[in-house]
């Protein structure tokens, strides 16, 4: 299985999201090097706010969108079709895995626990940097 290493971060100039690969220059400036598009010859560098760099966790939501650390995801609550539980996606250096934090009950879940409880019903609602 091939792992895809992708990142996103907020542009420094206009605060919009940009996607690609993280590069930190010798002088400490953080950039995202964007993917080369089919109609382009070269990619381009964009200076980003380093505190907003998020890595793709290798999981997509039910609509096919990539989930990044620091994203906020929602899943339909098992007990009611009109309620959604909300989780913050975080990388845990101690456990070397992605964890999902549910603030309303102050509980951390592994991805396996999320799948057992909610199936593949996660939907990206945004990023903690958008709230």
N, C-alpha and C. Protein backbone atom coordinates (compact mmCIF):
# COMPACT_ATOMS: atom_id res chain seq x y z
N UNK A 1 0.84 -1.19 0.00
CA UNK A 1 0.00 0.00 0.00
C UNK A 1 0.88 1.24 0.00
N UNK A 2 0.62 2.13 -0.90
CA UNK A 2 1.38 3.37 -1.03
C UNK A 2 0.71 4.47 -0.21
N UNK A 3 1.49 5.12 0.63
CA UNK A 3 0.96 6.21 1.44
C UNK A 3 1.13 7.53 0.71
N UNK A 4 0.11 8.35 0.73
CA UNK A 4 0.14 9.65 0.07
C UNK A 4 0.47 10.73 1.09
N UNK A 5 1.55 11.46 0.87
CA UNK A 5 1.96 12.55 1.76
C UNK A 5 1.53 13.87 1.15
N UNK A 6 0.49 14.45 1.70
CA UNK A 6 -0.04 15.74 1.23
C UNK A 6 -0.27 16.64 2.43
N UNK A 7 -0.22 17.92 2.18
CA UNK A 7 -0.41 18.90 3.24
C UNK A 7 -1.32 20.02 2.74
N UNK A 8 -1.88 20.74 3.70
CA UNK A 8 -2.58 21.98 3.40
C UNK A 8 -2.18 22.99 4.46
N UNK A 9 -2.30 24.26 4.11
CA UNK A 9 -2.01 25.34 5.06
C UNK A 9 -2.68 26.60 4.55
N UNK A 10 -2.83 27.57 5.45
CA UNK A 10 -3.41 28.86 5.08
C UNK A 10 -2.34 29.77 4.48
N UNK A 11 -2.65 30.34 3.34
CA UNK A 11 -1.74 31.29 2.69
C UNK A 11 -1.49 32.47 3.62
N UNK A 12 -0.27 32.96 3.60
CA UNK A 12 0.05 34.11 4.44
C UNK A 12 -0.57 35.40 3.91
N UNK A 13 -0.71 35.51 2.59
CA UNK A 13 -1.19 36.77 2.01
C UNK A 13 -2.71 36.95 2.06
N UNK A 14 -3.48 35.86 1.89
CA UNK A 14 -4.94 36.05 1.87
C UNK A 14 -5.72 35.05 2.74
N UNK A 15 -5.01 34.21 3.48
CA UNK A 15 -5.61 33.28 4.44
C UNK A 15 -6.46 32.17 3.80
N UNK A 16 -6.34 31.96 2.48
CA UNK A 16 -7.03 30.86 1.82
C UNK A 16 -6.19 29.60 1.93
N UNK A 17 -6.84 28.45 1.81
CA UNK A 17 -6.14 27.17 1.85
C UNK A 17 -5.37 26.93 0.57
N UNK A 18 -4.18 26.34 0.70
CA UNK A 18 -3.38 25.90 -0.43
C UNK A 18 -2.90 24.48 -0.10
N UNK A 19 -2.79 23.64 -1.14
CA UNK A 19 -2.50 22.22 -0.96
C UNK A 19 -1.23 21.83 -1.70
N UNK A 20 -0.46 20.91 -1.14
CA UNK A 20 0.75 20.43 -1.81
C UNK A 20 1.71 19.84 -0.80
N UNK A 21 2.98 20.22 -0.92
CA UNK A 21 4.05 19.66 -0.10
C UNK A 21 4.70 20.77 0.71
N UNK A 22 5.03 20.50 1.97
CA UNK A 22 5.62 21.51 2.85
C UNK A 22 7.12 21.60 2.61
N UNK A 23 7.60 22.84 2.51
CA UNK A 23 9.03 23.10 2.41
C UNK A 23 9.34 24.26 3.35
N UNK A 24 10.34 24.09 4.20
CA UNK A 24 10.79 25.17 5.07
C UNK A 24 12.16 25.61 4.57
N UNK A 25 12.27 26.88 4.21
CA UNK A 25 13.52 27.40 3.65
C UNK A 25 14.58 27.55 4.75
N UNK A 26 15.81 27.78 4.34
CA UNK A 26 16.92 27.94 5.29
C UNK A 26 16.68 29.09 6.25
N UNK A 27 15.96 30.11 5.80
CA UNK A 27 15.68 31.26 6.67
C UNK A 27 14.41 31.07 7.50
N UNK A 28 13.84 29.84 7.48
CA UNK A 28 12.72 29.51 8.35
C UNK A 28 11.34 29.83 7.81
N UNK A 29 11.24 30.27 6.56
CA UNK A 29 9.94 30.59 5.99
C UNK A 29 9.29 29.30 5.48
N UNK A 30 8.03 29.09 5.83
CA UNK A 30 7.32 27.88 5.44
C UNK A 30 6.53 28.13 4.16
N UNK A 31 6.66 27.20 3.22
CA UNK A 31 5.97 27.28 1.93
C UNK A 31 5.23 25.97 1.66
N UNK A 32 4.23 26.06 0.83
CA UNK A 32 3.63 24.87 0.22
C UNK A 32 4.01 24.91 -1.25
N UNK A 33 4.58 23.80 -1.72
CA UNK A 33 4.87 23.66 -3.14
C UNK A 33 3.68 22.95 -3.75
N UNK A 34 2.96 23.64 -4.62
CA UNK A 34 1.71 23.12 -5.18
C UNK A 34 1.98 22.06 -6.22
N UNK A 35 1.02 21.16 -6.34
CA UNK A 35 1.09 20.14 -7.38
C UNK A 35 1.09 20.79 -8.76
N UNK A 36 1.82 20.19 -9.67
CA UNK A 36 1.80 20.63 -11.06
C UNK A 36 0.49 20.14 -11.68
N UNK A 37 -0.27 21.05 -12.22
CA UNK A 37 -1.54 20.71 -12.86
C UNK A 37 -1.29 20.22 -14.28
N UNK A 38 -2.22 19.44 -14.85
CA UNK A 38 -2.02 18.89 -16.20
C UNK A 38 -1.70 19.93 -17.27
N UNK A 39 -2.22 21.15 -17.14
CA UNK A 39 -1.98 22.17 -18.16
C UNK A 39 -0.79 23.08 -17.82
N UNK A 40 -0.04 22.73 -16.77
CA UNK A 40 1.10 23.55 -16.36
C UNK A 40 2.40 22.77 -16.53
N UNK A 41 3.50 23.51 -16.66
CA UNK A 41 4.81 22.89 -16.76
C UNK A 41 5.47 22.80 -15.39
N UNK A 42 5.25 23.81 -14.54
CA UNK A 42 5.87 23.87 -13.23
C UNK A 42 4.83 24.13 -12.15
N UNK A 43 5.10 23.66 -10.94
CA UNK A 43 4.29 24.03 -9.79
C UNK A 43 4.75 25.39 -9.29
N UNK A 44 4.22 25.84 -8.17
CA UNK A 44 4.64 27.13 -7.64
C UNK A 44 4.67 27.09 -6.12
N UNK A 45 5.44 27.99 -5.55
CA UNK A 45 5.63 28.09 -4.10
C UNK A 45 4.67 29.13 -3.55
N UNK A 46 4.09 28.83 -2.40
CA UNK A 46 3.23 29.79 -1.73
C UNK A 46 3.64 29.87 -0.27
N UNK A 47 3.90 31.08 0.20
CA UNK A 47 4.25 31.24 1.62
C UNK A 47 2.98 31.04 2.45
N UNK A 48 3.10 30.26 3.53
CA UNK A 48 1.95 29.93 4.36
C UNK A 48 2.23 30.25 5.83
N UNK A 49 1.16 30.30 6.59
CA UNK A 49 1.27 30.47 8.04
C UNK A 49 1.65 29.10 8.63
N UNK A 50 2.84 28.95 9.21
CA UNK A 50 3.32 27.64 9.65
C UNK A 50 2.43 26.97 10.69
N UNK A 51 1.75 27.73 11.51
CA UNK A 51 0.89 27.14 12.54
C UNK A 51 -0.35 26.47 11.97
N UNK A 52 -0.62 26.70 10.68
CA UNK A 52 -1.82 26.11 10.05
C UNK A 52 -1.51 24.89 9.19
N UNK A 53 -0.26 24.44 9.16
CA UNK A 53 0.10 23.29 8.33
C UNK A 53 -0.60 22.04 8.87
N UNK A 54 -1.29 21.33 7.98
CA UNK A 54 -2.04 20.13 8.33
C UNK A 54 -1.65 19.02 7.36
N UNK A 55 -1.47 17.80 7.87
CA UNK A 55 -1.11 16.67 7.02
C UNK A 55 -2.30 15.78 6.75
N UNK A 56 -2.41 15.32 5.52
CA UNK A 56 -3.44 14.34 5.13
C UNK A 56 -3.22 13.07 5.92
N UNK A 57 -4.30 12.53 6.52
CA UNK A 57 -4.16 11.36 7.39
C UNK A 57 -4.37 10.03 6.67
N UNK A 58 -4.61 10.08 5.37
CA UNK A 58 -4.77 8.85 4.60
C UNK A 58 -6.19 8.31 4.58
N UNK A 59 -7.14 9.11 5.04
CA UNK A 59 -8.55 8.70 5.10
C UNK A 59 -9.37 9.76 4.37
N UNK A 60 -10.38 9.31 3.62
CA UNK A 60 -11.30 10.24 2.97
C UNK A 60 -12.67 10.15 3.65
N UNK A 61 -13.42 11.25 3.58
CA UNK A 61 -14.77 11.22 4.15
C UNK A 61 -15.72 10.53 3.18
N UNK A 62 -16.98 10.44 3.56
CA UNK A 62 -17.93 9.69 2.73
C UNK A 62 -18.19 10.35 1.38
N UNK A 63 -17.79 11.61 1.22
CA UNK A 63 -17.94 12.32 -0.04
C UNK A 63 -16.65 12.33 -0.86
N UNK A 64 -15.64 11.59 -0.38
CA UNK A 64 -14.38 11.48 -1.11
C UNK A 64 -13.38 12.58 -0.83
N UNK A 65 -13.65 13.48 0.13
CA UNK A 65 -12.72 14.55 0.47
C UNK A 65 -11.66 14.04 1.44
N UNK A 66 -10.44 14.48 1.25
CA UNK A 66 -9.34 14.08 2.13
C UNK A 66 -9.53 14.69 3.51
N UNK A 67 -9.21 13.90 4.54
CA UNK A 67 -9.26 14.37 5.92
C UNK A 67 -7.82 14.66 6.37
N UNK A 68 -7.62 15.85 6.92
CA UNK A 68 -6.31 16.30 7.41
C UNK A 68 -6.35 16.43 8.92
N UNK A 69 -5.16 16.32 9.56
CA UNK A 69 -5.15 16.61 10.99
C UNK A 69 -5.58 18.06 11.17
N UNK A 70 -6.18 18.35 12.27
CA UNK A 70 -6.78 19.64 12.62
C UNK A 70 -8.10 19.90 11.91
N UNK A 71 -8.60 18.93 11.16
CA UNK A 71 -9.93 19.07 10.58
C UNK A 71 -10.98 18.79 11.65
N UNK A 72 -12.16 19.30 11.40
CA UNK A 72 -13.33 18.99 12.22
C UNK A 72 -14.22 18.11 11.34
N UNK A 73 -14.57 16.93 11.86
CA UNK A 73 -15.42 16.02 11.10
C UNK A 73 -16.70 15.76 11.90
N UNK A 74 -17.76 15.47 11.17
CA UNK A 74 -19.04 15.15 11.80
C UNK A 74 -19.47 13.76 11.36
N UNK A 75 -20.22 13.11 12.24
CA UNK A 75 -20.79 11.80 11.92
C UNK A 75 -22.18 11.74 12.53
N UNK A 76 -23.09 11.11 11.82
CA UNK A 76 -24.46 11.00 12.31
C UNK A 76 -24.47 10.19 13.60
N UNK A 77 -25.10 10.74 14.63
CA UNK A 77 -25.18 10.07 15.92
C UNK A 77 -25.98 8.78 15.78
N UNK A 78 -25.49 7.67 16.32
CA UNK A 78 -26.18 6.39 16.18
C UNK A 78 -27.60 6.39 16.76
N UNK A 79 -27.81 7.20 17.79
CA UNK A 79 -29.11 7.17 18.47
C UNK A 79 -30.18 8.05 17.82
N UNK A 80 -29.77 8.93 16.87
CA UNK A 80 -30.76 9.82 16.27
C UNK A 80 -30.28 10.30 14.90
N UNK A 81 -31.11 10.13 13.90
CA UNK A 81 -30.71 10.50 12.54
C UNK A 81 -30.61 12.01 12.34
N UNK A 82 -31.10 12.82 13.29
CA UNK A 82 -31.06 14.27 13.15
C UNK A 82 -29.91 14.91 13.93
N UNK A 83 -29.18 14.11 14.70
CA UNK A 83 -28.07 14.63 15.49
C UNK A 83 -26.74 14.20 14.88
N UNK A 84 -25.76 15.08 14.97
CA UNK A 84 -24.43 14.77 14.49
C UNK A 84 -23.43 14.98 15.60
N UNK A 85 -22.54 14.02 15.78
CA UNK A 85 -21.45 14.18 16.73
C UNK A 85 -20.28 14.80 15.98
N UNK A 86 -19.54 15.67 16.66
CA UNK A 86 -18.45 16.41 16.04
C UNK A 86 -17.13 16.03 16.69
N UNK A 87 -16.10 15.86 15.86
CA UNK A 87 -14.79 15.44 16.34
C UNK A 87 -13.70 16.32 15.75
N UNK A 88 -12.67 16.55 16.53
CA UNK A 88 -11.47 17.24 16.05
C UNK A 88 -10.42 16.16 15.78
N UNK A 89 -9.81 16.21 14.60
CA UNK A 89 -8.81 15.21 14.20
C UNK A 89 -7.44 15.71 14.65
N UNK A 90 -6.71 14.87 15.39
CA UNK A 90 -5.40 15.25 15.92
C UNK A 90 -4.42 14.09 15.78
N UNK A 91 -3.16 14.41 15.50
CA UNK A 91 -2.10 13.42 15.50
C UNK A 91 -1.55 13.33 16.92
N UNK A 92 -1.37 12.11 17.44
CA UNK A 92 -0.83 11.89 18.78
C UNK A 92 0.58 11.33 18.64
N UNK A 93 1.58 12.14 19.01
CA UNK A 93 2.98 11.70 18.89
C UNK A 93 3.30 10.53 19.83
N UNK A 94 2.66 10.50 20.99
CA UNK A 94 2.93 9.41 21.95
C UNK A 94 2.44 8.07 21.43
N UNK A 95 1.27 8.05 20.84
CA UNK A 95 0.68 6.80 20.33
C UNK A 95 1.01 6.54 18.87
N UNK A 96 1.56 7.54 18.19
CA UNK A 96 1.88 7.46 16.76
C UNK A 96 0.66 7.06 15.95
N UNK A 97 -0.45 7.75 16.21
CA UNK A 97 -1.68 7.50 15.45
C UNK A 97 -2.58 8.73 15.47
N UNK A 98 -3.54 8.72 14.57
CA UNK A 98 -4.53 9.79 14.52
C UNK A 98 -5.61 9.48 15.55
N UNK A 99 -6.01 10.51 16.30
CA UNK A 99 -7.10 10.37 17.25
C UNK A 99 -8.19 11.38 16.93
N UNK A 100 -9.39 11.06 17.35
CA UNK A 100 -10.56 11.91 17.12
C UNK A 100 -11.09 12.34 18.49
N UNK A 101 -11.15 13.66 18.72
CA UNK A 101 -11.57 14.18 20.01
C UNK A 101 -13.01 14.69 19.94
N UNK A 102 -13.84 14.17 20.83
CA UNK A 102 -15.22 14.64 20.93
C UNK A 102 -15.33 15.52 22.17
N UNK A 103 -15.42 16.82 21.96
CA UNK A 103 -15.35 17.81 23.04
C UNK A 103 -16.53 17.73 24.00
N UNK A 104 -17.74 17.49 23.47
CA UNK A 104 -18.93 17.54 24.34
C UNK A 104 -18.91 16.48 25.45
N UNK A 105 -18.17 15.39 25.24
CA UNK A 105 -18.05 14.38 26.31
C UNK A 105 -16.59 14.16 26.70
N UNK A 106 -15.69 15.04 26.24
CA UNK A 106 -14.27 15.02 26.59
C UNK A 106 -13.66 13.62 26.44
N UNK A 107 -13.79 13.05 25.23
CA UNK A 107 -13.34 11.69 24.99
C UNK A 107 -12.56 11.61 23.68
N UNK A 108 -11.47 10.83 23.71
CA UNK A 108 -10.65 10.56 22.53
C UNK A 108 -11.01 9.20 21.97
N UNK A 109 -11.03 9.08 20.63
CA UNK A 109 -11.32 7.83 19.94
C UNK A 109 -10.23 7.54 18.93
N UNK A 110 -9.94 6.26 18.74
CA UNK A 110 -9.07 5.86 17.62
C UNK A 110 -9.94 5.78 16.38
N UNK A 111 -9.32 5.69 15.22
CA UNK A 111 -10.08 5.56 13.98
C UNK A 111 -10.88 4.26 13.98
N UNK A 112 -10.31 3.18 14.51
CA UNK A 112 -11.04 1.91 14.57
C UNK A 112 -12.31 2.04 15.42
N UNK A 113 -12.21 2.76 16.54
CA UNK A 113 -13.40 2.97 17.39
C UNK A 113 -14.45 3.81 16.67
N UNK A 114 -14.00 4.82 15.93
CA UNK A 114 -14.93 5.66 15.15
C UNK A 114 -15.67 4.80 14.12
N UNK A 115 -14.93 3.95 13.42
CA UNK A 115 -15.55 3.10 12.39
C UNK A 115 -16.54 2.12 13.00
N UNK A 116 -16.24 1.57 14.17
CA UNK A 116 -17.17 0.66 14.83
C UNK A 116 -18.46 1.37 15.22
N UNK A 117 -18.33 2.59 15.71
CA UNK A 117 -19.49 3.34 16.20
C UNK A 117 -20.29 3.99 15.07
N UNK A 118 -19.58 4.54 14.07
CA UNK A 118 -20.24 5.36 13.04
C UNK A 118 -20.13 4.81 11.62
N UNK A 119 -19.37 3.75 11.43
CA UNK A 119 -19.16 3.25 10.08
C UNK A 119 -18.29 4.22 9.29
N UNK A 120 -18.56 4.36 8.02
CA UNK A 120 -17.79 5.26 7.15
C UNK A 120 -18.55 6.56 6.90
N UNK A 121 -19.22 7.06 7.91
CA UNK A 121 -20.10 8.22 7.75
C UNK A 121 -19.47 9.56 8.09
N UNK A 122 -18.15 9.63 8.24
CA UNK A 122 -17.52 10.90 8.55
C UNK A 122 -17.65 11.89 7.39
N UNK A 123 -17.86 13.16 7.74
CA UNK A 123 -17.94 14.23 6.76
C UNK A 123 -17.10 15.39 7.28
N UNK A 124 -16.22 15.91 6.43
CA UNK A 124 -15.39 17.06 6.82
C UNK A 124 -16.30 18.29 6.93
N UNK A 125 -16.26 18.93 8.11
CA UNK A 125 -17.05 20.12 8.35
C UNK A 125 -16.22 21.39 8.23
N UNK A 126 -14.89 21.24 8.26
CA UNK A 126 -14.01 22.40 8.19
C UNK A 126 -12.72 22.09 8.91
N UNK A 127 -12.04 23.14 9.34
CA UNK A 127 -10.79 23.01 10.06
C UNK A 127 -10.87 23.84 11.33
N UNK A 128 -10.09 23.46 12.34
CA UNK A 128 -10.07 24.27 13.55
C UNK A 128 -9.59 25.69 13.26
N UNK A 129 -8.86 25.87 12.16
CA UNK A 129 -8.36 27.19 11.80
C UNK A 129 -9.42 28.04 11.09
N UNK A 130 -10.57 27.44 10.78
CA UNK A 130 -11.66 28.17 10.15
C UNK A 130 -12.71 28.62 11.17
N UNK A 131 -12.66 28.07 12.36
CA UNK A 131 -13.67 28.39 13.37
C UNK A 131 -13.31 29.62 14.15
